[in-house]
């Protein structure tokens, strides 16, 4: 269930960046390649999360009581740290992309609302505030 929620959030986030239309007030002010960067970050985040979820288990007794197991556990601990750092970096980039929306004249409440809700809800919010 939680994986489905994350996937739905990431899709909503991407669609918010892809479909948000401010008319003449901002789309053109976004940095070149904004949507491509968002798509890339979302894809890399999914890959990194998949890597964490499919990494080998190193919590069996052999990983604590044998030389080979301890080496494997230490190796995986390093890999887990690297993957977790990548995931944190991807979330930082997601936050930065929202700030780019804000800078391009999308009010902060709209930018946050747009990336955390579906397209139709964004459209309702836009039409009621226009």
Foldseek 3Di string as FASTA:
>chain_A
DVVVVVVVLLVQLLCLLVPDDPDPQFPVQFDPCLSVVSVVLSVVLVVLVVCVVPPDDLPDPCLVPPPVNVVVVVVVVVVNVVSVVSNVVSVVVSVVSLVSRCVRPDPSVLSVVRSRDHPVVSVVVVVVVD
